[in-house]
Every structure is written in C-alpha cells, then in structure tokens.
Amino acid sequence: MDITEVADRLAIAETLALYCRGIDRCDAEQLAAVFTPDAHLDYGSGAAPIGETIAGLMAGLGTMRLTQHNITNTVMRLAGDSAKAETNCVALHLIPTPEGEIELVVGGRYLDTLVKLEGRWRIAERLYVMDWNRTAPSTMQTSGGLFDGLQRRGARGDEDPSAPWWGEG
C-alpha cells in the first residue's frame, strides 16, 4: 500500500464520518457535501436522487429528539478514483411519543460506491442493509447521581455544543 492509497483511505473514512455528523446534526448542507450531485441512495425502499433523499431524511429525523450514528468496521477496495466501501453502523434514535420517549436502535451496513471529484471523495451510490433493530421505552436519565454534573447535551443544528466549538454557531 503506497502513501496515496493510505491518504485516500483516510479521506474516505472522513467522508463516512461527515455523513454521520450531517445526519445527527440534521445539517442538510453538510450531508449533501458528502455525496456527488447525481448520487442515488437506497435505504431499502428503492433508489432515489440525493435531493429527494436528503429532504426525506431531514423530515423524518426532524421528528426525533436526537440520533447518534456510529460507524465501525469498514472494508474498502480502491481502483484509481473510484472505490467501494462496506461499513457497519449502529444508530440510536430517540423518538418522542405521547406515551414517553422511545429508543430505536438499528444495526446495519452501508454499501457505498465512492468517486474522487476535484480531490475529494464523495458517495455516488449508497445501498443500506438493515441487519437488526431494537425498539423499547427510553431508559435515558438526565438527573441523579453522576448525571447531575453532566449538563452539556447533544442537540440538532446550531443548538449542539459542537457548533460554536467548530465556529459554526
């Protein structure tokens, strides 16, 4: 493996991480930046263009109080300015309901085709494979014991503590 391949692998890993950040902050602009302008995404209900998919994601995720997408093992195959990556993911979704908050945890894989455009790796096609899920009433605690001292909480967009930290808010 030469230094160019190592750099490309790190850049692809950054693209995948920025996808998670865009989803979890409900930041449509950041999310769009990780995809090619003509990308097609299929989260299980058929391929759709990037603009339509992002609008749907923002509408759906906007109803949730919080999400956290975690990516783990990634297997990549690079061929010049194109690549394939299979990435394991686990995503937590906190969903408000009249009966109380629900925790939906989903495990799956992203099957991505990526291309290098203008020096940046972007996702051109994504197929999502759901492997498992779990839904239960939320057990999250925000007060009592250790939690009394943990008052910085994740949020959407500019309300998240990372926005001013990155100079975005």
Foldseek 3Di string as FASTA:
>chain_A
DDPVVVVVVVLVVVLVVQCQVCLFQVPLVSNCVQADQQAWEAAPPDTDGPVVVSVVSSVVLVQFFGKGKDWDDKDKDDDPFKIWIKIKIKMWTWHQDPVAIKIKIWIWIWTFIWGQDPNHIHTRYIYIGTDDMDMDHDPDDQDDDPNPPVDQDAGHHPSHPVCVVVPND
